[in-house]
Protein backbone atom coordinates (compact mmCIF):
# COMPACT_ATOMS: atom_id res chain seq x y z
CA MET A 1 186.69 -17.05 -112.53
CA LYS A 2 186.59 -20.53 -114.31
CA TYR A 3 184.56 -23.49 -113.46
CA LEU A 4 184.24 -27.10 -114.13
CA VAL A 5 180.85 -28.95 -113.43
CA VAL A 6 181.74 -32.53 -112.29
CA GLU A 7 179.38 -35.43 -111.83
CA ASP A 8 179.95 -36.95 -108.08
CA PHE A 9 179.77 -40.67 -106.91
CA SER A 10 175.81 -40.23 -106.53
CA GLY A 11 175.22 -38.76 -109.96
CA THR A 12 174.87 -35.20 -108.82
CA PRO A 13 176.29 -32.19 -110.66
CA ILE A 14 178.92 -30.45 -108.49
CA PRO A 15 180.50 -27.01 -109.48
CA PHE A 16 184.23 -26.29 -108.89
CA ILE A 17 184.78 -22.33 -109.12
CA PHE A 18 188.68 -21.27 -109.42
CA PRO A 19 190.98 -18.58 -110.42
CA GLU A 20 191.49 -18.00 -114.28
CA ARG A 21 195.14 -18.45 -113.95
CA ILE A 22 194.88 -22.13 -113.36
CA ARG A 23 194.09 -24.18 -116.65
CA HIS A 24 190.76 -26.24 -116.89
CA ASP A 25 193.14 -29.38 -117.41
CA GLU A 26 195.07 -28.80 -114.32
CA MET A 27 192.06 -28.66 -111.80
CA ARG A 28 190.42 -31.36 -113.51
CA GLU A 29 193.50 -33.57 -112.63
CA GLN A 30 193.03 -32.49 -108.92
CA LEU A 31 189.58 -33.60 -108.71
CA PRO A 32 188.79 -37.32 -107.80
CA TYR A 33 185.64 -37.43 -109.91
CA ALA A 34 185.73 -39.48 -113.01
CA LYS A 35 182.87 -37.46 -115.46
CA VAL A 36 183.33 -33.84 -116.24
CA LEU A 37 180.34 -32.57 -117.75
CA SER A 38 180.98 -29.14 -118.68
CA ALA A 39 183.78 -26.33 -118.33
CA GLY A 40 183.93 -22.50 -119.04
CA LEU A 41 183.94 -19.26 -117.11
CA VAL A 42 181.46 -17.39 -114.87
CA GLU A 43 180.74 -14.43 -113.76
CA LEU A 44 178.18 -12.77 -111.24
CA ARG A 45 176.18 -10.06 -113.69
CA GLY A 46 173.14 -8.27 -112.41
CA GLY A 47 172.93 -10.46 -109.45
CA ARG A 48 172.85 -13.54 -111.14
CA PHE A 49 175.76 -16.21 -112.46
CA VAL A 50 176.19 -16.43 -116.18
CA CYS A 51 178.15 -19.14 -117.63
CA PHE A 52 179.93 -19.02 -120.66
CA GLY A 53 182.57 -19.92 -123.06
CA GLY A 54 184.40 -23.51 -122.78
CA SER A 55 188.04 -25.47 -122.19
CA ALA A 56 189.53 -26.13 -125.36
CA GLU A 57 191.95 -28.21 -123.32
CA LEU A 58 189.10 -30.55 -122.01
CA SER A 59 187.02 -29.96 -125.35
CA LEU A 60 183.65 -28.98 -123.16
CA SER A 61 181.66 -26.19 -123.14
CA ALA A 62 179.55 -23.94 -120.71
CA ARG A 63 175.75 -25.28 -120.49
CA LYS A 64 172.63 -23.23 -120.11
CA GLU A 65 171.97 -25.58 -116.96
CA ASP A 66 175.24 -24.78 -115.37
CA GLU A 67 173.98 -21.32 -114.24
CA GLU A 68 171.28 -23.09 -112.17
CA ILE A 69 173.92 -25.64 -111.03
CA VAL A 70 176.30 -22.81 -109.62
CA THR A 71 173.46 -20.50 -108.03
CA SER A 72 171.98 -23.64 -106.32
CA ARG A 73 175.17 -23.95 -104.48
CA PHE A 74 175.09 -20.05 -103.02
CA GLN A 75 171.67 -20.54 -101.73
CA PRO A 76 170.85 -20.75 -98.04
CA ARG A 77 170.86 -24.37 -96.77
CA GLN A 78 167.51 -25.55 -95.40
CA ARG A 79 167.67 -26.61 -91.51
């Protein structure tokens, strides 16, 4: 899968995960957020998310902190 991490209106990084057949720049056009922080590929390996690669279209790369950002969205919500 591919992903983008964008900064929402409050400054929080938000990951968007989408199929590899969609280009990063195509997905970026669909999002209302102004700032894209990173882009790349994401895989689940050994029970953890691994982010790597980048987007030639957006001139962005995966960052190590992206793994934590993606993982945090798959944690149970505190009620």
